[in-house]
C-alpha atoms as a PDB file:
ATOM      1  CA  MET A   1     -86.145 216.285-181.490  1.00  0.00           C
ATOM      2  CA  ARG A   2     -85.340 213.979-184.367  1.00  0.00           C
ATOM      3  CA  ILE A   3     -85.974 210.255-184.452  1.00  0.00           C
ATOM      4  CA  GLY A   4     -82.409 209.376-183.387  1.00  0.00           C
ATOM      5  CA  GLU A   5     -82.717 211.412-180.210  1.00  0.00           C
ATOM      6  CA  LEU A   6     -86.154 209.967-179.439  1.00  0.00           C
ATOM      7  CA  SER A   7     -84.687 206.511-179.926  1.00  0.00           C
ATOM      8  CA  ALA A   8     -81.798 207.294-177.564  1.00  0.00           C
ATOM      9  CA  ARG A   9     -84.075 208.802-174.914  1.00  0.00           C
ATOM     10  CA  THR A  10     -86.561 205.901-174.948  1.00  0.00           C
ATOM     11  CA  GLY A  11     -84.359 202.923-175.801  1.00  0.00           C
ATOM     12  CA  VAL A  12     -86.698 202.067-178.680  1.00  0.00           C
ATOM     13  CA  SER A  13     -85.176 201.497-182.117  1.00  0.00           C
ATOM     14  CA  GLN A  14     -85.778 203.974-184.912  1.00  0.00           C
ATOM     15  CA  ARG A  15     -87.358 201.192-186.939  1.00  0.00           C
ATOM     16  CA  LEU A  16     -89.880 200.546-184.176  1.00  0.00           C
ATOM     17  CA  LEU A  17     -90.613 204.261-183.821  1.00  0.00           C
ATOM     18  CA  ARG A  18     -91.385 204.409-187.558  1.00  0.00           C
ATOM     19  CA  TYR A  19     -93.669 201.393-187.082  1.00  0.00           C
ATOM     20  CA  TYR A  20     -95.496 203.212-184.276  1.00  0.00           C
ATOM     21  CA  GLU A  21     -95.951 206.113-186.672  1.00  0.00           C
ATOM     22  CA  GLU A  22     -97.332 203.782-189.375  1.00  0.00           C
ATOM     23  CA  GLN A  23     -99.789 202.416-186.803  1.00  0.00           C
ATOM     24  CA  GLY A  24    -100.979 205.929-185.909  1.00  0.00           C
ATOM     25  CA  LEU A  25     -99.520 205.812-182.404  1.00  0.00           C
ATOM     26  CA  LEU A  26     -96.935 208.580-182.906  1.00  0.00           C
ATOM     27  CA  VAL A  27     -97.469 211.664-185.015  1.00  0.00           C
ATOM     28  CA  PRO A  28     -94.297 213.626-185.752  1.00  0.00           C
ATOM     29  CA  ARG A  29     -94.121 216.891-187.624  1.00  0.00           C
ATOM     30  CA  ARG A  30     -91.931 217.131-190.718  1.00  0.00           C
ATOM     31  CA  ASP A  31     -89.114 219.634-191.219  1.00  0.00           C
ATOM     32  CA  THR A  32     -88.788 221.418-194.526  1.00  0.00           C
ATOM     33  CA  ASN A  33     -86.191 218.779-195.417  1.00  0.00           C
ATOM     34  CA  GLY A  34     -88.671 215.986-194.613  1.00  0.00           C
ATOM     35  CA  TYR A  35     -87.051 214.816-191.376  1.00  0.00           C
ATOM     36  CA  ARG A  36     -89.341 213.676-188.595  1.00  0.00           C
ATOM     37  CA  VAL A  37     -89.478 216.073-185.649  1.00  0.00           C
ATOM     38  CA  TYR A  38     -90.987 214.918-182.366  1.00  0.00           C
ATOM     39  CA  ASP A  39     -92.209 217.077-179.502  1.00  0.00           C
ATOM     40  CA  ASP A  40     -90.845 216.411-176.011  1.00  0.00           C
ATOM     41  CA  ASP A  41     -94.090 214.654-175.027  1.00  0.00           C
ATOM     42  CA  ALA A  42     -93.277 211.915-177.567  1.00  0.00           C
ATOM     43  CA  VAL A  43     -90.943 210.399-174.959  1.00  0.00           C
ATOM     44  CA  VAL A  44     -93.890 209.869-172.602  1.00  0.00           C
ATOM     45  CA  THR A  45     -96.062 208.584-175.453  1.00  0.00           C
ATOM     46  CA  VAL A  46     -93.459 205.975-176.406  1.00  0.00           C
ATOM     47  CA  ARG A  47     -93.200 204.854-172.778  1.00  0.00           C
ATOM     48  CA  GLN A  48     -96.994 204.581-172.617  1.00  0.00           C
ATOM     49  CA  ILE A  49     -97.029 202.505-175.798  1.00  0.00           C
ATOM     50  CA  ARG A  50     -94.341 200.191-174.419  1.00  0.00           C
ATOM     51  CA  ALA A  51     -96.235 199.734-171.132  1.00  0.00           C
ATOM     52  CA  LEU A  52     -99.482 198.944-172.943  1.00  0.00           C
ATOM     53  CA  LEU A  53     -97.708 196.491-175.249  1.00  0.00           C
ATOM     54  CA  ALA A  54     -96.234 194.831-172.155  1.00  0.00           C
ATOM     55  CA  ALA A  55     -99.792 194.512-170.812  1.00  0.00           C
ATOM     56  CA  GLY A  56    -100.608 192.434-173.885  1.00  0.00           C
ATOM     57  CA  LEU A  57    -102.517 194.997-175.923  1.00  0.00           C
ATOM     58  CA  SER A  58    -102.112 195.100-179.687  1.00  0.00           C
ATOM     59  CA  THR A  59    -101.195 198.281-181.508  1.00  0.00           C
ATOM     60  CA  CYS A  60    -104.760 198.449-182.849  1.00  0.00           C
ATOM     61  CA  VAL A  61    -106.159 198.434-179.324  1.00  0.00           C
ATOM     62  CA  ILE A  62    -103.477 200.860-178.141  1.00  0.00           C
ATOM     63  CA  ARG A  63    -104.516 203.287-180.882  1.00  0.00           C
ATOM     64  CA  GLU A  64    -108.027 203.226-179.378  1.00  0.00           C
ATOM     65  CA  VAL A  65    -106.819 203.450-175.785  1.00  0.00           C
ATOM     66  CA  LEU A  66    -104.012 206.019-176.149  1.00  0.00           C
ATOM     67  CA  PRO A  67    -106.251 209.113-175.959  1.00  0.00           C
ATOM     68  CA  CYS A  68    -107.352 207.950-172.483  1.00  0.00           C
ATOM     69  CA  VAL A  69    -103.795 207.398-171.206  1.00  0.00           C
ATOM     70  CA  ARG A  70    -102.135 209.802-168.784  1.00  0.00           C
ATOM     71  CA  GLY A  71     -98.596 209.774-167.402  1.00  0.00           C
ATOM     72  CA  GLU A  72     -95.689 207.399-167.871  1.00  0.00           C
ATOM     73  CA  LYS A  73     -97.024 204.681-165.579  1.00  0.00           C
ATOM     74  CA  PRO A  74     -99.525 204.871-167.502  1.00  0.00           C
ATOM     75  CA  GLU A  75    -102.864 205.598-165.871  1.00  0.00           C
ATOM     76  CA  LEU A  76    -106.101 205.205-167.796  1.00  0.00           C
ATOM     77  CA  GLU A  77    -109.132 207.472-167.678  1.00  0.00           C
ATOM     78  CA  MET A  78    -111.998 204.992-167.532  1.00  0.00           C
ATOM     79  CA  CYS A  79    -114.499 206.116-170.128  1.00  0.00           C
ATOM     80  CA  PRO A  80    -117.207 203.559-171.075  1.00  0.00           C
ATOM     81  CA  SER A  81    -115.623 202.643-174.421  1.00  0.00           C
ATOM     82  CA  LEU A  82    -112.261 202.046-172.759  1.00  0.00           C
ATOM     83  CA  VAL A  83    -113.783 199.801-170.100  1.00  0.00           C
ATOM     84  CA  ARG A  84    -115.561 197.821-172.832  1.00  0.00           C
ATOM     85  CA  THR A  85    -112.333 197.476-174.843  1.00  0.00           C
ATOM     86  CA  LEU A  86    -110.324 196.304-171.828  1.00  0.00           C
ATOM     87  CA  ARG A  87    -113.026 193.817-170.809  1.00  0.00           C
ATOM     88  CA  GLU A  88    -113.010 192.406-174.352  1.00  0.00           C
ATOM     89  CA  GLN A  89    -109.227 191.998-174.130  1.00  0.00           C
ATOM     90  CA  LEU A  90    -109.507 190.258-170.757  1.00  0.00           C
ATOM     91  CA  ASP A  91    -112.210 187.938-172.098  1.00  0.00           C
ATOM     92  CA  ALA A  92    -110.021 187.047-175.078  1.00  0.00           C
ATOM     93  CA  LEU A  93    -107.107 186.288-172.739  1.00  0.00           C
ATOM     94  CA  ASP A  94    -109.315 184.107-170.551  1.00  0.00           C
ATOM     95  CA  GLU A  95    -110.380 182.125-173.636  1.00  0.00           C
ATOM     96  CA  ARG A  96    -106.757 181.662-174.688  1.00  0.00           C
ATOM     97  CA  ILE A  97    -105.841 180.514-171.175  1.00  0.00           C
ATOM     98  CA  ASP A  98    -108.691 177.978-171.202  1.00  0.00           C
ATOM     99  CA  ASP A  99    -107.595 176.705-174.633  1.00  0.00           C
ATOM    100  CA  LEU A 100    -104.003 176.358-173.440  1.00  0.00           C
ATOM    101  CA  ARG A 101    -105.118 174.436-170.341  1.00  0.00           C
ATOM    102  CA  GLN A 102    -107.086 172.008-172.498  1.00  0.00           C
ATOM    103  CA  THR A 103    -104.171 171.605-174.890  1.00  0.00           C
ATOM    104  CA  ARG A 104    -101.796 171.041-171.996  1.00  0.00           C
ATOM    105  CA  GLY A 105    -104.089 168.404-170.522  1.00  0.00           C
ATOM    106  CA  ALA A 106    -104.300 166.576-173.844  1.00  0.00           C
ATOM    107  CA  LEU A 107    -100.528 166.636-174.254  1.00  0.00           C
ATOM    108  CA  ALA A 108     -99.882 165.596-170.648  1.00  0.00           C
ATOM    109  CA  ALA A 109    -102.057 162.536-171.202  1.00  0.00           C
ATOM    110  CA  TYR A 110     -99.399 161.230-173.638  1.00  0.00           C
ATOM    111  CA  VAL A 111     -96.570 161.567-171.130  1.00  0.00           C
ATOM    112  CA  PRO A 112     -96.102 158.427-169.038  1.00  0.00           C
ATOM    113  CA  ALA A 113     -96.163 158.866-165.285  1.00  0.00           C
ATOM    114  CA  SER A 114     -92.673 158.805-163.837  1.00  0.00           C
ATOM    115  CA  GLY A 115     -92.088 155.879-161.625  1.00  0.00           C
END
């Protein structure tokens, strides 16, 4: 299928699909005329990418994780490197949450108590 059909089937813009290709997340074949041609499994791959993005993973991390992803849900095969990568992502999120809590506390200190 061409990029327009993949876009229609997934609800993802053609521009974003080209970005996924640039990031190494999608690998289309090229017709003799240079058009991108995607296999049917590209629909599942795009849905996996979208789900992983929604989980807060960057495209760099998704590129690492994608070979371990199965199904549209997606489900992850837990190899040691994948577990390490996901733990690192969780640790980074925990740090950001802690930073935001501290920032919120500092800002809240400037707000007068309502009376």
